PDB file of N, CA and C in Angstrom:
ATOM      1  N   MET A   1      16.228 -40.848  10.310  1.00  0.00           N
ATOM      2  CA  MET A   1      16.142 -39.414  10.510  1.00  0.00           C
ATOM      3  C   MET A   1      15.685 -38.746   9.209  1.00  0.00           C
ATOM      4  N   VAL A   2      14.880 -37.728   9.334  1.00  0.00           N
ATOM      5  CA  VAL A   2      14.342 -37.016   8.187  1.00  0.00           C
ATOM      6  C   VAL A   2      15.320 -35.909   7.782  1.00  0.00           C
ATOM      7  N   SER A   3      15.613 -35.835   6.484  1.00  0.00           N
ATOM      8  CA  SER A   3      16.567 -34.831   6.017  1.00  0.00           C
ATOM      9  C   SER A   3      15.854 -33.517   5.707  1.00  0.00           C
ATOM     10  N   ILE A   4      16.640 -32.486   5.530  1.00  0.00           N
ATOM     11  CA  ILE A   4      16.105 -31.157   5.219  1.00  0.00           C
ATOM     12  C   ILE A   4      15.409 -31.154   3.864  1.00  0.00           C
ATOM     13  N   ASP A   5      15.905 -31.973   2.938  1.00  0.00           N
ATOM     14  CA  ASP A   5      15.294 -32.039   1.606  1.00  0.00           C
ATOM     15  C   ASP A   5      13.854 -32.544   1.679  1.00  0.00           C
ATOM     16  N   GLN A   6      13.615 -33.507   2.531  1.00  0.00           N
ATOM     17  CA  GLN A   6      12.266 -34.051   2.662  1.00  0.00           C
ATOM     18  C   GLN A   6      11.301 -33.019   3.243  1.00  0.00           C
ATOM     19  N   TYR A   7      11.771 -32.245   4.200  1.00  0.00           N
ATOM     20  CA  TYR A   7      10.928 -31.177   4.748  1.00  0.00           C
ATOM     21  C   TYR A   7      10.603 -30.134   3.676  1.00  0.00           C
ATOM     22  N   LEU A   8      11.584 -29.759   2.893  1.00  0.00           N
ATOM     23  CA  LEU A   8      11.366 -28.745   1.861  1.00  0.00           C
ATOM     24  C   LEU A   8      10.478 -29.257   0.734  1.00  0.00           C
ATOM     25  N   VAL A   9      10.591 -30.531   0.390  1.00  0.00           N
ATOM     26  CA  VAL A   9       9.705 -31.116  -0.619  1.00  0.00           C
ATOM     27  C   VAL A   9       8.275 -31.149  -0.096  1.00  0.00           C
ATOM     28  N   LEU A  10       8.097 -31.551   1.148  1.00  0.00           N
ATOM     29  CA  LEU A  10       6.759 -31.555   1.742  1.00  0.00           C
ATOM     30  C   LEU A  10       6.178 -30.144   1.782  1.00  0.00           C
ATOM     31  N   SER A  11       7.006 -29.186   2.136  1.00  0.00           N
ATOM     32  CA  SER A  11       6.562 -27.799   2.164  1.00  0.00           C
ATOM     33  C   SER A  11       6.150 -27.319   0.777  1.00  0.00           C
ATOM     34  N   ALA A  12       6.911 -27.669  -0.237  1.00  0.00           N
ATOM     35  CA  ALA A  12       6.575 -27.277  -1.612  1.00  0.00           C
ATOM     36  C   ALA A  12       5.284 -27.937  -2.070  1.00  0.00           C
ATOM     37  N   ILE A  13       5.081 -29.189  -1.705  1.00  0.00           N
ATOM     38  CA  ILE A  13       3.829 -29.877  -2.066  1.00  0.00           C
ATOM     39  C   ILE A  13       2.639 -29.215  -1.396  1.00  0.00           C
ATOM     40  N   LEU A  14       2.757 -28.912  -0.109  1.00  0.00           N
ATOM     41  CA  LEU A  14       1.660 -28.247   0.605  1.00  0.00           C
ATOM     42  C   LEU A  14       1.379 -26.868   0.034  1.00  0.00           C
ATOM     43  N   PHE A  15       2.428 -26.133  -0.308  1.00  0.00           N
ATOM     44  CA  PHE A  15       2.236 -24.811  -0.894  1.00  0.00           C
ATOM     45  C   PHE A  15       1.551 -24.920  -2.254  1.00  0.00           C
ATOM     46  N   SER A  16       1.924 -25.916  -3.037  1.00  0.00           N
ATOM     47  CA  SER A  16       1.294 -26.115  -4.347  1.00  0.00           C
ATOM     48  C   SER A  16      -0.178 -26.476  -4.217  1.00  0.00           C
ATOM     49  N   ILE A  17      -0.509 -27.311  -3.251  1.00  0.00           N
ATOM     50  CA  ILE A  17      -1.913 -27.668  -3.013  1.00  0.00           C
ATOM     51  C   ILE A  17      -2.700 -26.431  -2.607  1.00  0.00           C
ATOM     52  N   GLY A  18      -2.119 -25.609  -1.748  1.00  0.00           N
ATOM     53  CA  GLY A  18      -2.787 -24.379  -1.335  1.00  0.00           C
ATOM     54  C   GLY A  18      -2.986 -23.413  -2.486  1.00  0.00           C
ATOM     55  N   THR A  19      -1.975 -23.275  -3.329  1.00  0.00           N
ATOM     56  CA  THR A  19      -2.086 -22.391  -4.494  1.00  0.00           C
ATOM     57  C   THR A  19      -3.153 -22.894  -5.453  1.00  0.00           C
ATOM     58  N   PHE A  20      -3.178 -24.192  -5.690  1.00  0.00           N
ATOM     59  CA  PHE A  20      -4.192 -24.777  -6.557  1.00  0.00           C
ATOM     60  C   PHE A  20      -5.594 -24.531  -5.992  1.00  0.00           C
ATOM     61  N   GLY A  21      -5.736 -24.668  -4.677  1.00  0.00           N
ATOM     62  CA  GLY A  21      -7.031 -24.433  -4.046  1.00  0.00           C
ATOM     63  C   GLY A  21      -7.486 -22.988  -4.154  1.00  0.00           C
ATOM     64  N   VAL A  22      -6.562 -22.054  -3.983  1.00  0.00           N
ATOM     65  CA  VAL A  22      -6.921 -20.633  -4.092  1.00  0.00           C
ATOM     66  C   VAL A  22      -7.354 -20.291  -5.513  1.00  0.00           C
ATOM     67  N   LEU A  23      -6.679 -20.864  -6.479  1.00  0.00           N
ATOM     68  CA  LEU A  23      -6.957 -20.520  -7.868  1.00  0.00           C
ATOM     69  C   LEU A  23      -8.202 -21.204  -8.430  1.00  0.00           C
ATOM     70  N   THR A  24      -8.618 -22.316  -7.859  1.00  0.00           N
ATOM     71  CA  THR A  24      -9.708 -23.079  -8.465  1.00  0.00           C
ATOM     72  C   THR A  24     -11.009 -23.072  -7.676  1.00  0.00           C
ATOM     73  N   ARG A  25     -10.999 -22.758  -6.417  1.00  0.00           N
ATOM     74  CA  ARG A  25     -12.210 -22.862  -5.601  1.00  0.00           C
ATOM     75  C   ARG A  25     -13.061 -21.617  -5.697  1.00  0.00           C
ATOM     76  N   LYS A  26     -14.345 -21.776  -5.443  1.00  0.00           N
ATOM     77  CA  LYS A  26     -15.296 -20.671  -5.487  1.00  0.00           C
ATOM     78  C   LYS A  26     -15.798 -20.280  -4.095  1.00  0.00           C
ATOM     79  N   ASN A  27     -15.625 -21.149  -3.124  1.00  0.00           N
ATOM     80  CA  ASN A  27     -16.103 -20.904  -1.769  1.00  0.00           C
ATOM     81  C   ASN A  27     -15.063 -20.089  -0.995  1.00  0.00           C
ATOM     82  N   ALA A  28     -15.484 -19.005  -0.383  1.00  0.00           N
ATOM     83  CA  ALA A  28     -14.547 -18.112   0.309  1.00  0.00           C
ATOM     84  C   ALA A  28     -13.889 -18.782   1.509  1.00  0.00           C
ATOM     85  N   ILE A  29     -14.610 -19.623   2.220  1.00  0.00           N
ATOM     86  CA  ILE A  29     -14.034 -20.289   3.393  1.00  0.00           C
ATOM     87  C   ILE A  29     -12.946 -21.264   2.957  1.00  0.00           C
ATOM     88  N   VAL A  30     -13.176 -21.990   1.879  1.00  0.00           N
ATOM     89  CA  VAL A  30     -12.169 -22.918   1.377  1.00  0.00           C
ATOM     90  C   VAL A  30     -10.936 -22.150   0.901  1.00  0.00           C
ATOM     91  N   ILE A  31     -11.143 -20.992   0.303  1.00  0.00           N
ATOM     92  CA  ILE A  31     -10.000 -20.176  -0.137  1.00  0.00           C
ATOM     93  C   ILE A  31      -9.174 -19.722   1.060  1.00  0.00           C
ATOM     94  N   PHE A  32      -9.845 -19.306   2.141  1.00  0.00           N
ATOM     95  CA  PHE A  32      -9.103 -18.921   3.346  1.00  0.00           C
ATOM     96  C   PHE A  32      -8.356 -20.114   3.941  1.00  0.00           C
ATOM     97  N   MET A  33      -8.951 -21.295   3.886  1.00  0.00           N
ATOM     98  CA  MET A  33      -8.255 -22.482   4.388  1.00  0.00           C
ATOM     99  C   MET A  33      -7.024 -22.788   3.543  1.00  0.00           C
ATOM    100  N   CYS A  34      -7.121 -22.582   2.242  1.00  0.00           N
ATOM    101  CA  CYS A  34      -5.965 -22.809   1.357  1.00  0.00           C
ATOM    102  C   CYS A  34      -4.869 -21.784   1.624  1.00  0.00           C
ATOM    103  N   ILE A  35      -5.247 -20.555   1.910  1.00  0.00           N
ATOM    104  CA  ILE A  35      -4.245 -19.540   2.258  1.00  0.00           C
ATOM    105  C   ILE A  35      -3.545 -19.916   3.564  1.00  0.00           C
ATOM    106  N   GLU A  36      -4.292 -20.426   4.520  1.00  0.00           N
ATOM    107  CA  GLU A  36      -3.682 -20.883   5.775  1.00  0.00           C
ATOM    108  C   GLU A  36      -2.736 -22.058   5.523  1.00  0.00           C
ATOM    109  N   LEU A  37      -3.114 -22.949   4.602  1.00  0.00           N
ATOM    110  CA  LEU A  37      -2.233 -24.062   4.251  1.00  0.00           C
ATOM    111  C   LEU A  37      -0.927 -23.550   3.652  1.00  0.00           C
ATOM    112  N   MET A  38      -1.020 -22.528   2.809  1.00  0.00           N
ATOM    113  CA  MET A  38       0.181 -21.941   2.228  1.00  0.00           C
ATOM    114  C   MET A  38       1.059 -21.304   3.300  1.00  0.00           C
ATOM    115  N   LEU A  39       0.448 -20.586   4.239  1.00  0.00           N
ATOM    116  CA  LEU A  39       1.230 -19.975   5.319  1.00  0.00           C
ATOM    117  C   LEU A  39       1.898 -21.041   6.186  1.00  0.00           C
ATOM    118  N   ASN A  40       1.188 -22.127   6.458  1.00  0.00           N
ATOM    119  CA  ASN A  40       1.781 -23.194   7.264  1.00  0.00           C
ATOM    120  C   ASN A  40       2.900 -23.918   6.534  1.00  0.00           C
ATOM    121  N   SER A  41       2.819 -24.010   5.218  1.00  0.00           N
ATOM    122  CA  SER A  41       3.922 -24.632   4.485  1.00  0.00           C
ATOM    123  C   SER A  41       5.174 -23.755   4.556  1.00  0.00           C
ATOM    124  N   VAL A  42       4.983 -22.442   4.512  1.00  0.00           N
ATOM    125  CA  VAL A  42       6.134 -21.532   4.674  1.00  0.00           C
ATOM    126  C   VAL A  42       6.690 -21.657   6.098  1.00  0.00           C
ATOM    127  N   ASN A  43       5.815 -21.793   7.074  1.00  0.00           N
ATOM    128  CA  ASN A  43       6.278 -21.993   8.450  1.00  0.00           C
ATOM    129  C   ASN A  43       7.105 -23.268   8.572  1.00  0.00           C
ATOM    130  N   LEU A  44       6.669 -24.330   7.900  1.00  0.00           N
ATOM    131  CA  LEU A  44       7.430 -25.577   7.917  1.00  0.00           C
ATOM    132  C   LEU A  44       8.823 -25.383   7.329  1.00  0.00           C
ATOM    133  N   SER A  45       8.906 -24.630   6.253  1.00  0.00           N
ATOM    134  CA  SER A  45      10.217 -24.347   5.645  1.00  0.00           C
ATOM    135  C   SER A  45      11.105 -23.561   6.598  1.00  0.00           C
ATOM    136  N   PHE A  46      10.534 -22.529   7.212  1.00  0.00           N
ATOM    137  CA  PHE A  46      11.318 -21.722   8.145  1.00  0.00           C
ATOM    138  C   PHE A  46      11.830 -22.551   9.319  1.00  0.00           C
ATOM    139  N   ILE A  47      10.976 -23.385   9.887  1.00  0.00           N
ATOM    140  CA  ILE A  47      11.390 -24.205  11.034  1.00  0.00           C
ATOM    141  C   ILE A  47      12.455 -25.212  10.616  1.00  0.00           C
ATOM    142  N   ALA A  48      12.257 -25.861   9.463  1.00  0.00           N
ATOM    143  CA  ALA A  48      13.238 -26.851   9.002  1.00  0.00           C
ATOM    144  C   ALA A  48      14.599 -26.199   8.735  1.00  0.00           C
ATOM    145  N   LEU A  49      14.582 -25.053   8.054  1.00  0.00           N
ATOM    146  CA  LEU A  49      15.856 -24.378   7.775  1.00  0.00           C
ATOM    147  C   LEU A  49      16.491 -23.809   9.040  1.00  0.00           C
ATOM    148  N   SER A  50      15.671 -23.337   9.959  1.00  0.00           N
ATOM    149  CA  SER A  50      16.198 -22.839  11.218  1.00  0.00           C
ATOM    150  C   SER A  50      16.879 -23.954  12.006  1.00  0.00           C
ATOM    151  N   ASN A  51      16.251 -25.112  12.010  1.00  0.00           N
ATOM    152  CA  ASN A  51      16.840 -26.256  12.709  1.00  0.00           C
ATOM    153  C   ASN A  51      18.108 -26.718  11.999  1.00  0.00           C
ATOM    154  N   HIS A  52      18.086 -26.711  10.686  1.00  0.00           N
ATOM    155  CA  HIS A  52      19.257 -27.159   9.914  1.00  0.00           C
ATOM    156  C   HIS A  52      20.445 -26.218  10.098  1.00  0.00           C
ATOM    157  N   LEU A  53      20.186 -24.918  10.122  1.00  0.00           N
ATOM    158  CA  LEU A  53      21.262 -23.944  10.260  1.00  0.00           C
ATOM    159  C   LEU A  53      21.674 -23.708  11.710  1.00  0.00           C
ATOM    160  N   GLY A  54      20.841 -24.133  12.648  1.00  0.00           N
ATOM    161  CA  GLY A  54      21.199 -24.013  14.055  1.00  0.00           C
ATOM    162  C   GLY A  54      21.001 -22.639  14.649  1.00  0.00           C
ATOM    163  N   ASN A  55      20.102 -21.848  14.077  1.00  0.00           N
ATOM    164  CA  ASN A  55      19.814 -20.541  14.682  1.00  0.00           C
ATOM    165  C   ASN A  55      18.307 -20.395  14.898  1.00  0.00           C
ATOM    166  N   MET A  56      17.920 -19.334  15.573  1.00  0.00           N
ATOM    167  CA  MET A  56      16.525 -19.141  15.950  1.00  0.00           C
ATOM    168  C   MET A  56      15.791 -18.153  15.055  1.00  0.00           C
ATOM    169  N   ASP A  57      16.425 -17.644  14.019  1.00  0.00           N
ATOM    170  CA  ASP A  57      15.802 -16.622  13.176  1.00  0.00           C
ATOM    171  C   ASP A  57      14.520 -17.120  12.517  1.00  0.00           C
ATOM    172  N   GLY A  58      14.537 -18.335  11.993  1.00  0.00           N
ATOM    173  CA  GLY A  58      13.357 -18.888  11.339  1.00  0.00           C
ATOM    174  C   GLY A  58      12.198 -19.054  12.293  1.00  0.00           C
ATOM    175  N   GLN A  59      12.484 -19.416  13.535  1.00  0.00           N
ATOM    176  CA  GLN A  59      11.423 -19.595  14.519  1.00  0.00           C
ATOM    177  C   GLN A  59      10.796 -18.261  14.913  1.00  0.00           C
ATOM    178  N   VAL A  60      11.589 -17.202  14.909  1.00  0.00           N
ATOM    179  CA  VAL A  60      11.048 -15.870  15.183  1.00  0.00           C
ATOM    180  C   VAL A  60      10.125 -15.441  14.044  1.00  0.00           C
ATOM    181  N   PHE A  61      10.531 -15.710  12.797  1.00  0.00           N
ATOM    182  CA  PHE A  61       9.677 -15.398  11.658  1.00  0.00           C
ATOM    183  C   PHE A  61       8.362 -16.172  11.727  1.00  0.00           C
ATOM    184  N   VAL A  62       8.431 -17.423  12.150  1.00  0.00           N
ATOM    185  CA  VAL A  62       7.217 -18.237  12.276  1.00  0.00           C
ATOM    186  C   VAL A  62       6.269 -17.625  13.294  1.00  0.00           C
ATOM    187  N   LEU A  63       6.791 -17.099  14.371  1.00  0.00           N
ATOM    188  CA  LEU A  63       5.943 -16.454  15.368  1.00  0.00           C
ATOM    189  C   LEU A  63       5.208 -15.263  14.770  1.00  0.00           C
ATOM    190  N   PHE A  64       5.904 -14.464  13.981  1.00  0.00           N
ATOM    191  CA  PHE A  64       5.259 -13.318  13.328  1.00  0.00           C
ATOM    192  C   PHE A  64       4.248 -13.760  12.277  1.00  0.00           C
ATOM    193  N   ILE A  65       4.568 -14.798  11.515  1.00  0.00           N
ATOM    194  CA  ILE A  65       3.641 -15.292  10.500  1.00  0.00           C
ATOM    195  C   ILE A  65       2.373 -15.832  11.153  1.00  0.00           C
ATOM    196  N   MET A  66       2.507 -16.522  12.264  1.00  0.00           N
ATOM    197  CA  MET A  66       1.326 -17.048  12.960  1.00  0.00           C
ATOM    198  C   MET A  66       0.456 -15.916  13.493  1.00  0.00           C
ATOM    199  N   THR A  67       1.081 -14.837  13.934  1.00  0.00           N
ATOM    200  CA  THR A  67       0.321 -13.683  14.412  1.00  0.00           C
ATOM    201  C   THR A  67      -0.454 -13.037  13.271  1.00  0.00           C
ATOM    202  N   VAL A  68       0.205 -12.849  12.143  1.00  0.00           N
ATOM    203  CA  VAL A  68      -0.462 -12.258  10.977  1.00  0.00           C
ATOM    204  C   VAL A  68      -1.569 -13.179  10.465  1.00  0.00           C
ATOM    205  N   ALA A  69      -1.327 -14.486  10.484  1.00  0.00           N
ATOM    206  CA  ALA A  69      -2.340 -15.442  10.020  1.00  0.00           C
ATOM    207  C   ALA A  69      -3.574 -15.425  10.922  1.00  0.00           C
ATOM    208  N   ALA A  70      -3.374 -15.284  12.217  1.00  0.00           N
ATOM    209  CA  ALA A  70      -4.519 -15.222  13.129  1.00  0.00           C
ATOM    210  C   ALA A  70      -5.327 -13.952  12.888  1.00  0.00           C
ATOM    211  N   ALA A  71      -4.645 -12.836  12.677  1.00  0.00           N
ATOM    212  CA  ALA A  71      -5.356 -11.584  12.393  1.00  0.00           C
ATOM    213  C   ALA A  71      -6.080 -11.667  11.054  1.00  0.00           C
ATOM    214  N   GLU A  72      -5.433 -12.267  10.062  1.00  0.00           N
ATOM    215  CA  GLU A  72      -6.061 -12.431   8.742  1.00  0.00           C
ATOM    216  C   GLU A  72      -7.287 -13.309   8.828  1.00  0.00           C
ATOM    217  N   ALA A  73      -7.225 -14.366   9.609  1.00  0.00           N
ATOM    218  CA  ALA A  73      -8.378 -15.253   9.755  1.00  0.00           C
ATOM    219  C   ALA A  73      -9.528 -14.544  10.453  1.00  0.00           C
ATOM    220  N   ALA A  74      -9.233 -13.764  11.458  1.00  0.00           N
ATOM    221  CA  ALA A  74     -10.301 -13.053  12.180  1.00  0.00           C
ATOM    222  C   ALA A  74     -10.974 -12.011  11.291  1.00  0.00           C
ATOM    223  N   VAL A  75     -10.197 -11.230  10.591  1.00  0.00           N
ATOM    224  CA  VAL A  75     -10.765 -10.199   9.707  1.00  0.00           C
ATOM    225  C   VAL A  75     -11.497 -10.847   8.534  1.00  0.00           C
ATOM    226  N   GLY A  76     -10.908 -11.877   7.962  1.00  0.00           N
ATOM    227  CA  GLY A  76     -11.538 -12.561   6.837  1.00  0.00           C
ATOM    228  C   GLY A  76     -12.856 -13.198   7.212  1.00  0.00           C
ATOM    229  N   MET A  77     -12.910 -13.848   8.360  1.00  0.00           N
ATOM    230  CA  MET A  77     -14.170 -14.469   8.782  1.00  0.00           C
ATOM    231  C   MET A  77     -15.216 -13.414   9.109  1.00  0.00           C
ATOM    232  N   ALA A  78     -14.808 -12.293   9.659  1.00  0.00           N
ATOM    233  CA  ALA A  78     -15.766 -11.209   9.919  1.00  0.00           C
ATOM    234  C   ALA A  78     -16.349 -10.682   8.614  1.00  0.00           C
ATOM    235  N   LEU A  79     -15.510 -10.527   7.602  1.00  0.00           N
ATOM    236  CA  LEU A  79     -16.006 -10.082   6.293  1.00  0.00           C
ATOM    237  C   LEU A  79     -16.941 -11.105   5.664  1.00  0.00           C
ATOM    238  N   ILE A  80     -16.601 -12.368   5.777  1.00  0.00           N
ATOM    239  CA  ILE A  80     -17.446 -13.412   5.207  1.00  0.00           C
ATOM    240  C   ILE A  80     -18.791 -13.463   5.909  1.00  0.00           C
ATOM    241  N   ILE A  81     -18.805 -13.337   7.227  1.00  0.00           N
ATOM    242  CA  ILE A  81     -20.069 -13.348   7.976  1.00  0.00           C
ATOM    243  C   ILE A  81     -20.925 -12.149   7.609  1.00  0.00           C
ATOM    244  N   ALA A  82     -20.304 -10.984   7.502  1.00  0.00           N
ATOM    245  CA  ALA A  82     -21.065  -9.791   7.116  1.00  0.00           C
ATOM    246  C   ALA A  82     -21.622  -9.929   5.701  1.00  0.00           C
ATOM    247  N   PHE A  83     -20.837 -10.487   4.791  1.00  0.00           N
ATOM    248  CA  PHE A  83     -21.318 -10.666   3.418  1.00  0.00           C
ATOM    249  C   PHE A  83     -22.436 -11.701   3.369  1.00  0.00           C
ATOM    250  N   TYR A  84     -22.307 -12.769   4.159  1.00  0.00           N
ATOM    251  CA  TYR A  84     -23.339 -13.803   4.171  1.00  0.00           C
ATOM    252  C   TYR A  84     -24.663 -13.260   4.714  1.00  0.00           C
ATOM    253  N   ARG A  85     -24.581 -12.405   5.709  1.00  0.00           N
ATOM    254  CA  ARG A  85     -25.813 -11.819   6.265  1.00  0.00           C
ATOM    255  C   ARG A  85     -26.516 -10.926   5.256  1.00  0.00           C
ATOM    256  N   ASN A  86     -25.771 -10.276   4.381  1.00  0.00           N
ATOM    257  CA  ASN A  86     -26.373  -9.389   3.384  1.00  0.00           C
ATOM    258  C   ASN A  86     -26.824 -10.123   2.132  1.00  0.00           C
ATOM    259  N   ARG A  87     -26.083 -11.112   1.690  1.00  0.00           N
ATOM    260  CA  ARG A  87     -26.341 -11.757   0.390  1.00  0.00           C
ATOM    261  C   ARG A  87     -26.777 -13.213   0.480  1.00  0.00           C
ATOM    262  N   ASP A  88     -26.711 -13.839   1.649  1.00  0.00           N
ATOM    263  CA  ASP A  88     -27.031 -15.263   1.834  1.00  0.00           C
ATOM    264  C   ASP A  88     -26.192 -16.164   0.932  1.00  0.00           C
ATOM    265  N   SER A  89     -24.952 -15.795   0.710  1.00  0.00           N
ATOM    266  CA  SER A  89     -24.044 -16.586  -0.114  1.00  0.00           C
ATOM    267  C   SER A  89     -22.611 -16.242   0.273  1.00  0.00           C
ATOM    268  N   ILE A  90     -21.727 -17.246   0.146  1.00  0.00           N
ATOM    269  CA  ILE A  90     -20.306 -16.986   0.371  1.00  0.00           C
ATOM    270  C   ILE A  90     -19.493 -17.353  -0.865  1.00  0.00           C
ATOM    271  N   ALA A  91     -20.158 -17.439  -2.005  1.00  0.00           N
ATOM    272  CA  ALA A  91     -19.455 -17.725  -3.252  1.00  0.00           C
ATOM    273  C   ALA A  91     -18.625 -16.507  -3.662  1.00  0.00           C
ATOM    274  N   VAL A  92     -17.431 -16.765  -4.143  1.00  0.00           N
ATOM    275  CA  VAL A  92     -16.517 -15.688  -4.509  1.00  0.00           C
ATOM    276  C   VAL A  92     -17.071 -14.891  -5.691  1.00  0.00           C
ATOM    277  N   ASP A  93     -17.813 -15.532  -6.558  1.00  0.00           N
ATOM    278  CA  ASP A  93     -18.398 -14.830  -7.702  1.00  0.00           C
ATOM    279  C   ASP A  93     -19.360 -13.735  -7.259  1.00  0.00           C
ATOM    280  N   ASP A  94     -20.013 -13.920  -6.114  1.00  0.00           N
ATOM    281  CA  ASP A  94     -20.957 -12.923  -5.621  1.00  0.00           C
ATOM    282  C   ASP A  94     -20.258 -11.716  -4.986  1.00  0.00           C
ATOM    283  N   PHE A  95     -18.980 -11.833  -4.672  1.00  0.00           N
ATOM    284  CA  PHE A  95     -18.260 -10.697  -4.107  1.00  0.00           C
ATOM    285  C   PHE A  95     -18.119  -9.572  -5.117  1.00  0.00           C
ATOM    286  N   ASN A  96     -18.308  -9.862  -6.375  1.00  0.00           N
ATOM    287  CA  ASN A  96     -18.261  -8.849  -7.411  1.00  0.00           C
ATOM    288  C   ASN A  96     -19.368  -7.808  -7.211  1.00  0.00           C
ATOM    289  N   LEU A  97     -20.414  -8.173  -6.471  1.00  0.00           N
ATOM    290  CA  LEU A  97     -21.524  -7.260  -6.220  1.00  0.00           C
ATOM    291  C   LEU A  97     -21.141  -6.126  -5.279  1.00  0.00           C
ATOM    292  N   LEU A  98     -19.974  -6.213  -4.644  1.00  0.00           N
ATOM    293  CA  LEU A  98     -19.554  -5.200  -3.692  1.00  0.00           C
ATOM    294  C   LEU A  98     -18.971  -3.963  -4.357  1.00  0.00           C
ATOM    295  N   LYS A  99     -18.816  -3.997  -5.674  1.00  0.00           N
ATOM    296  CA  LYS A  99     -18.255  -2.833  -6.368  1.00  0.00           C
ATOM    297  C   LYS A  99     -19.243  -1.696  -6.341  1.00  0.00           C
ATOM    298  N   TRP A 100     -18.743  -0.489  -6.531  1.00  0.00           N
ATOM    299  CA  TRP A 100     -19.588   0.689  -6.537  1.00  0.00           C
ATOM    300  C   TRP A 100     -20.403   0.652  -7.767  1.00  0.00           C
TER     301      TRP A 100
END
């Protein structure tokens, strides 16, 4: 049987990988994927702790996080597509051109 500590360690590792990806990557799509990885690691923590404590609060939070993540992905991809159509690039360095 898998203990709660193992779930939390896995969640921390996934969150660290996502943070490293956000801080080091230049591609906007990869950055959004890393943000999704971070959100899913938090979801894993909530589910593991909810199961360990025997209540449903963590699972309700996961439902809200998944809803926000879906909205974030839709808006983010729309922005990336619009930027790509104007600049023919999705590099994060080129987003600096959007300033006034």
